[in-house]
Amino acid sequence: MSEPNPYADGEYTWGPGRAPGQGGAPGTPAYGYPQDVPPGYGYPQPPAYQPTLAAGVPVPQRFPPMAAGAAPVLALGDITVVGDRIITPAGEMPLKGAVWNAMDMSRTEEKIPTAAVVLAIVFALLCLVGLLFLLMKEKKTTGFIQVTVTSGGRHHATMIPATGPDTIHWVMGQLNFARSLSV
């Protein structure tokens, strides 16, 4: 790879990252991010340096302390409604004008248990009564219900595990209560 290309005739003068003496136009940036863009415009900037706290320095609280008598009104996953604000791990949001959404990503599967198949085979010899064991069904619900809230220019989503087919109804009841508080 360090040997020059024997088939090159020296006329190749186009391409990114070529120095002015190597065929590139002076002042032409290479491919990728623009070179002369003011910081904070269009492209994400790396976060500013934050020094590490020394031992014994108290860490500031993440949320301001709740006022006396302010109890959580509603909690859905890691989203909590307290007074006139919504508290999430991403920060606080105003309750007024919040938009709440839910998406059911759970599923309920129904199958015949193994014990029913074994009993059906064993009792099939007794006048076909064993076939009634095949009517046994087992339901299993898996998945999550995603709840999202958007308010004050912020957005947060949480996943609530579905423990049964009625979990979506419970979440929607809580969500409708949160919507009524957001008006």
C-alpha atoms as a PDB file:
ATOM      1  CA  MET A   1       0.000   0.000   0.000  1.00  0.00           C
ATOM      2  CA  SER A   2       2.965   2.362   0.354  1.00  0.00           C
ATOM      3  CA  GLU A   3       4.012   1.938  -3.289  1.00  0.00           C
ATOM      4  CA  PRO A   4       2.714   4.470  -5.812  1.00  0.00           C
ATOM      5  CA  ASN A   5       0.160   3.361  -8.365  1.00  0.00           C
ATOM      6  CA  PRO A   6       2.104   2.252 -11.478  1.00  0.00           C
ATOM      7  CA  TYR A   7      -0.916   2.932 -13.717  1.00  0.00           C
ATOM      8  CA  ALA A   8      -1.392   6.539 -12.620  1.00  0.00           C
ATOM      9  CA  ASP A   9      -0.514   9.042 -15.316  1.00  0.00           C
ATOM     10  CA  GLY A  10      -0.414  12.016 -12.949  1.00  0.00           C
ATOM     11  CA  GLU A  11      -3.618  13.602 -14.286  1.00  0.00           C
ATOM     12  CA  TYR A  12      -5.777  12.733 -11.268  1.00  0.00           C
ATOM     13  CA  THR A  13      -6.342  16.075  -9.556  1.00  0.00           C
ATOM     14  CA  TRP A  14      -9.836  15.723  -8.166  1.00  0.00           C
ATOM     15  CA  GLY A  15     -10.976  14.500  -4.745  1.00  0.00           C
ATOM     16  CA  PRO A  16     -11.430  15.463  -1.132  1.00  0.00           C
ATOM     17  CA  GLY A  17      -8.565  16.241   1.142  1.00  0.00           C
ATOM     18  CA  ARG A  18      -6.082  17.081  -1.615  1.00  0.00           C
ATOM     19  CA  ALA A  19      -3.613  19.753  -0.693  1.00  0.00           C
ATOM     20  CA  PRO A  20      -3.269  22.751  -3.043  1.00  0.00           C
ATOM     21  CA  GLY A  21       0.035  21.371  -4.328  1.00  0.00           C
ATOM     22  CA  GLN A  22      -1.567  17.973  -4.969  1.00  0.00           C
ATOM     23  CA  GLY A  23      -4.310  19.162  -7.287  1.00  0.00           C
ATOM     24  CA  GLY A  24      -6.956  20.355  -4.812  1.00  0.00           C
ATOM     25  CA  ALA A  25      -8.283  23.903  -5.037  1.00  0.00           C
ATOM     26  CA  PRO A  26      -7.033  26.174  -2.259  1.00  0.00           C
ATOM     27  CA  GLY A  27      -9.567  26.615   0.530  1.00  0.00           C
ATOM     28  CA  THR A  28     -11.693  23.646  -0.547  1.00  0.00           C
ATOM     29  CA  PRO A  29     -12.691  21.581   2.509  1.00  0.00           C
ATOM     30  CA  ALA A  30     -12.675  17.815   2.516  1.00  0.00           C
ATOM     31  CA  TYR A  31     -15.866  15.796   2.559  1.00  0.00           C
ATOM     32  CA  GLY A  32     -17.743  15.538   5.852  1.00  0.00           C
ATOM     33  CA  TYR A  33     -18.738  18.265   8.251  1.00  0.00           C
ATOM     34  CA  PRO A  34     -18.416  21.854   7.001  1.00  0.00           C
ATOM     35  CA  GLN A  35     -15.241  23.538   8.176  1.00  0.00           C
ATOM     36  CA  ASP A  36     -16.299  27.190   8.568  1.00  0.00           C
ATOM     37  CA  VAL A  37     -19.613  26.796  10.390  1.00  0.00           C
ATOM     38  CA  PRO A  38     -20.161  28.820  13.555  1.00  0.00           C
ATOM     39  CA  PRO A  39     -20.522  26.589  16.652  1.00  0.00           C
ATOM     40  CA  GLY A  40     -24.030  25.635  17.657  1.00  0.00           C
ATOM     41  CA  TYR A  41     -25.471  25.726  14.140  1.00  0.00           C
ATOM     42  CA  GLY A  42     -26.782  22.575  12.503  1.00  0.00           C
ATOM     43  CA  TYR A  43     -24.387  19.981  13.875  1.00  0.00           C
ATOM     44  CA  PRO A  44     -24.227  18.658  17.427  1.00  0.00           C
ATOM     45  CA  GLN A  45     -21.387  20.075  19.463  1.00  0.00           C
ATOM     46  CA  PRO A  46     -19.554  18.097  22.139  1.00  0.00           C
ATOM     47  CA  PRO A  47     -20.682  18.960  25.670  1.00  0.00           C
ATOM     48  CA  ALA A  48     -18.660  21.510  27.576  1.00  0.00           C
ATOM     49  CA  TYR A  49     -16.089  20.176  29.994  1.00  0.00           C
ATOM     50  CA  GLN A  50     -17.451  19.663  33.500  1.00  0.00           C
ATOM     51  CA  PRO A  51     -14.869  19.162  36.226  1.00  0.00           C
ATOM     52  CA  THR A  52     -15.250  16.237  38.583  1.00  0.00           C
ATOM     53  CA  LEU A  53     -16.575  17.080  42.028  1.00  0.00           C
ATOM     54  CA  ALA A  54     -14.044  16.676  44.815  1.00  0.00           C
ATOM     55  CA  ALA A  55     -14.720  14.318  47.713  1.00  0.00           C
ATOM     56  CA  GLY A  56     -17.009  15.825  50.314  1.00  0.00           C
ATOM     57  CA  VAL A  57     -18.653  18.308  47.935  1.00  0.00           C
ATOM     58  CA  PRO A  58     -22.414  17.831  48.093  1.00  0.00           C
ATOM     59  CA  VAL A  59     -24.003  16.846  44.798  1.00  0.00           C
ATOM     60  CA  PRO A  60     -26.881  19.168  43.896  1.00  0.00           C
ATOM     61  CA  GLN A  61     -30.357  17.643  44.018  1.00  0.00           C
ATOM     62  CA  ARG A  62     -31.754  16.540  40.722  1.00  0.00           C
ATOM     63  CA  PHE A  63     -35.251  17.814  41.481  1.00  0.00           C
ATOM     64  CA  PRO A  64     -36.210  20.586  43.838  1.00  0.00           C
ATOM     65  CA  PRO A  65     -37.729  19.279  47.068  1.00  0.00           C
ATOM     66  CA  MET A  66     -41.494  18.872  47.042  1.00  0.00           C
ATOM     67  CA  ALA A  67     -43.537  21.407  48.911  1.00  0.00           C
ATOM     68  CA  ALA A  68     -45.193  20.350  52.145  1.00  0.00           C
ATOM     69  CA  GLY A  69     -48.327  18.371  51.392  1.00  0.00           C
ATOM     70  CA  ALA A  70     -47.465  17.836  47.708  1.00  0.00           C
ATOM     71  CA  ALA A  71     -48.089  14.166  47.095  1.00  0.00           C
ATOM     72  CA  PRO A  72     -47.844  12.358  43.768  1.00  0.00           C
ATOM     73  CA  VAL A  73     -51.190  12.426  42.011  1.00  0.00           C
ATOM     74  CA  LEU A  74     -50.314   9.879  39.344  1.00  0.00           C
ATOM     75  CA  ALA A  75     -47.407   7.576  38.494  1.00  0.00           C
ATOM     76  CA  LEU A  76     -46.983   5.706  35.228  1.00  0.00           C
ATOM     77  CA  GLY A  77     -43.651   3.906  35.101  1.00  0.00           C
ATOM     78  CA  ASP A  78     -41.023   6.553  35.807  1.00  0.00           C
ATOM     79  CA  ILE A  79     -43.390   9.436  34.970  1.00  0.00           C
ATOM     80  CA  THR A  80     -44.865  11.104  38.073  1.00  0.00           C
ATOM     81  CA  VAL A  81     -47.403  13.922  38.248  1.00  0.00           C
ATOM     82  CA  VAL A  82     -46.983  16.171  41.290  1.00  0.00           C
ATOM     83  CA  GLY A  83     -49.065  19.307  41.627  1.00  0.00           C
ATOM     84  CA  ASP A  84     -48.785  21.272  38.391  1.00  0.00           C
ATOM     85  CA  ARG A  85     -45.676  19.558  37.016  1.00  0.00           C
ATOM     86  CA  ILE A  86     -44.583  16.266  35.508  1.00  0.00           C
ATOM     87  CA  ILE A  87     -41.390  14.752  36.892  1.00  0.00           C
ATOM     88  CA  THR A  88     -39.374  12.381  34.705  1.00  0.00           C
ATOM     89  CA  PRO A  89     -35.749  11.220  34.736  1.00  0.00           C
ATOM     90  CA  ALA A  90     -35.174  13.618  31.812  1.00  0.00           C
ATOM     91  CA  GLY A  91     -36.310  16.606  33.882  1.00  0.00           C
ATOM     92  CA  GLU A  92     -39.458  18.453  34.845  1.00  0.00           C
ATOM     93  CA  MET A  93     -42.231  19.466  32.468  1.00  0.00           C
ATOM     94  CA  PRO A  94     -45.287  21.658  32.959  1.00  0.00           C
ATOM     95  CA  LEU A  95     -48.521  19.709  33.378  1.00  0.00           C
ATOM     96  CA  LYS A  96     -50.683  22.253  31.569  1.00  0.00           C
ATOM     97  CA  GLY A  97     -50.818  21.458  27.866  1.00  0.00           C
ATOM     98  CA  ALA A  98     -49.036  18.104  28.115  1.00  0.00           C
ATOM     99  CA  VAL A  99     -49.719  15.595  25.349  1.00  0.00           C
ATOM    100  CA  TRP A 100     -50.041  11.974  26.492  1.00  0.00           C
ATOM    101  CA  ASN A 101     -49.889   8.921  24.209  1.00  0.00           C
ATOM    102  CA  ALA A 102     -49.839   5.158  24.685  1.00  0.00           C
ATOM    103  CA  MET A 103     -48.956   2.327  22.332  1.00  0.00           C
ATOM    104  CA  ASP A 104     -49.783  -1.287  23.097  1.00  0.00           C
ATOM    105  CA  MET A 105     -46.794  -3.443  22.193  1.00  0.00           C
ATOM    106  CA  SER A 106     -47.987  -6.510  24.086  1.00  0.00           C
ATOM    107  CA  ARG A 107     -49.375  -9.757  22.796  1.00  0.00           C
ATOM    108  CA  THR A 108     -51.374 -12.587  24.310  1.00  0.00           C
ATOM    109  CA  GLU A 109     -50.643 -16.122  23.161  1.00  0.00           C
ATOM    110  CA  GLU A 110     -52.962 -19.051  23.723  1.00  0.00           C
ATOM    111  CA  LYS A 111     -51.756 -22.660  23.624  1.00  0.00           C
ATOM    112  CA  ILE A 112     -52.657 -26.144  24.814  1.00  0.00           C
ATOM    113  CA  PRO A 113     -50.512 -27.081  27.836  1.00  0.00           C
ATOM    114  CA  THR A 114     -48.315 -30.183  27.679  1.00  0.00           C
ATOM    115  CA  ALA A 115     -50.200 -31.798  30.556  1.00  0.00           C
ATOM    116  CA  ALA A 116     -53.450 -31.604  28.553  1.00  0.00           C
ATOM    117  CA  VAL A 117     -51.878 -33.419  25.606  1.00  0.00           C
ATOM    118  CA  VAL A 118     -50.507 -36.168  27.877  1.00  0.00           C
ATOM    119  CA  LEU A 119     -53.874 -36.608  29.648  1.00  0.00           C
ATOM    120  CA  ALA A 120     -55.702 -36.688  26.303  1.00  0.00           C
ATOM    121  CA  ILE A 121     -53.489 -39.543  25.101  1.00  0.00           C
ATOM    122  CA  VAL A 122     -53.799 -41.489  28.362  1.00  0.00           C
ATOM    123  CA  PHE A 123     -57.592 -41.147  28.610  1.00  0.00           C
ATOM    124  CA  ALA A 124     -58.285 -41.521  24.862  1.00  0.00           C
ATOM    125  CA  LEU A 125     -58.747 -45.234  25.466  1.00  0.00           C
ATOM    126  CA  LEU A 126     -61.762 -44.580  27.754  1.00  0.00           C
ATOM    127  CA  CYS A 127     -64.526 -43.857  25.254  1.00  0.00           C
ATOM    128  CA  LEU A 128     -62.748 -40.846  23.756  1.00  0.00           C
ATOM    129  CA  VAL A 129     -63.354 -38.832  26.934  1.00  0.00           C
ATOM    130  CA  GLY A 130     -59.694 -37.899  26.939  1.00  0.00           C
ATOM    131  CA  LEU A 131     -60.218 -35.588  23.972  1.00  0.00           C
ATOM    132  CA  LEU A 132     -61.950 -33.160  26.327  1.00  0.00           C
ATOM    133  CA  PHE A 133     -58.529 -32.425  27.836  1.00  0.00           C
ATOM    134  CA  LEU A 134     -57.594 -30.782  24.519  1.00  0.00           C
ATOM    135  CA  LEU A 135     -60.080 -28.023  25.333  1.00  0.00           C
ATOM    136  CA  MET A 136     -57.775 -26.773  28.094  1.00  0.00           C
ATOM    137  CA  LYS A 137     -56.106 -23.505  27.079  1.00  0.00           C
ATOM    138  CA  GLU A 138     -53.281 -21.505  28.637  1.00  0.00           C
ATOM    139  CA  LYS A 139     -52.967 -17.739  27.999  1.00  0.00           C
ATOM    140  CA  LYS A 140     -49.686 -15.887  28.383  1.00  0.00           C
ATOM    141  CA  THR A 141     -49.234 -12.128  27.892  1.00  0.00           C
ATOM    142  CA  THR A 142     -45.812 -10.701  27.056  1.00  0.00           C
ATOM    143  CA  GLY A 143     -44.549  -7.307  25.939  1.00  0.00           C
ATOM    144  CA  PHE A 144     -44.828  -3.704  27.036  1.00  0.00           C
ATOM    145  CA  ILE A 145     -47.069  -0.672  26.823  1.00  0.00           C
ATOM    146  CA  GLN A 146     -45.178   2.466  25.827  1.00  0.00           C
ATOM    147  CA  VAL A 147     -46.377   5.704  27.431  1.00  0.00           C
ATOM    148  CA  THR A 148     -45.047   9.014  26.107  1.00  0.00           C
ATOM    149  CA  VAL A 149     -45.517  12.560  27.365  1.00  0.00           C
ATOM    150  CA  THR A 150     -44.552  15.783  25.595  1.00  0.00           C
ATOM    151  CA  SER A 151     -44.703  19.194  27.257  1.00  0.00           C
ATOM    152  CA  GLY A 152     -42.709  22.387  27.403  1.00  0.00           C
ATOM    153  CA  GLY A 153     -40.433  21.363  24.538  1.00  0.00           C
ATOM    154  CA  ARG A 154     -39.440  18.098  26.228  1.00  0.00           C
ATOM    155  CA  HIS A 155     -40.375  14.509  25.480  1.00  0.00           C
ATOM    156  CA  HIS A 156     -40.145  11.385  27.605  1.00  0.00           C
ATOM    157  CA  ALA A 157     -41.179   7.767  26.987  1.00  0.00           C
ATOM    158  CA  THR A 158     -41.455   4.874  29.427  1.00  0.00           C
ATOM    159  CA  MET A 159     -42.258   1.194  29.033  1.00  0.00           C
ATOM    160  CA  ILE A 160     -44.749  -0.528  31.342  1.00  0.00           C
ATOM    161  CA  PRO A 161     -44.611  -4.353  31.356  1.00  0.00           C
ATOM    162  CA  ALA A 162     -47.863  -6.065  30.357  1.00  0.00           C
ATOM    163  CA  THR A 163     -48.728  -8.647  33.005  1.00  0.00           C
ATOM    164  CA  GLY A 164     -52.079  -9.622  31.522  1.00  0.00           C
ATOM    165  CA  PRO A 165     -54.510  -8.780  28.743  1.00  0.00           C
ATOM    166  CA  ASP A 166     -56.169  -6.169  30.972  1.00  0.00           C
ATOM    167  CA  THR A 167     -52.972  -4.130  31.559  1.00  0.00           C
ATOM    168  CA  ILE A 168     -53.714  -1.881  28.574  1.00  0.00           C
ATOM    169  CA  HIS A 169     -57.104  -1.000  30.071  1.00  0.00           C
ATOM    170  CA  TRP A 170     -55.499   0.011  33.373  1.00  0.00           C
ATOM    171  CA  VAL A 171     -52.844   2.110  31.588  1.00  0.00           C
ATOM    172  CA  MET A 172     -55.449   3.820  29.408  1.00  0.00           C
ATOM    173  CA  GLY A 173     -57.509   4.665  32.504  1.00  0.00           C
ATOM    174  CA  GLN A 174     -54.452   6.275  34.116  1.00  0.00           C
ATOM    175  CA  LEU A 175     -53.606   8.019  30.854  1.00  0.00           C
ATOM    176  CA  ASN A 176     -57.095   9.470  30.493  1.00  0.00           C
ATOM    177  CA  PHE A 177     -56.875  10.778  34.064  1.00  0.00           C
ATOM    178  CA  ALA A 178     -53.516  12.410  33.207  1.00  0.00           C
ATOM    179  CA  ARG A 179     -55.069  13.944  30.090  1.00  0.00           C
ATOM    180  CA  SER A 180     -57.880  15.411  32.179  1.00  0.00           C
ATOM    181  CA  LEU A 181     -55.304  16.983  34.512  1.00  0.00           C
ATOM    182  CA  SER A 182     -53.389  18.478  31.561  1.00  0.00           C
ATOM    183  CA  VAL A 183     -56.278  20.586  30.275  1.00  0.00           C
END
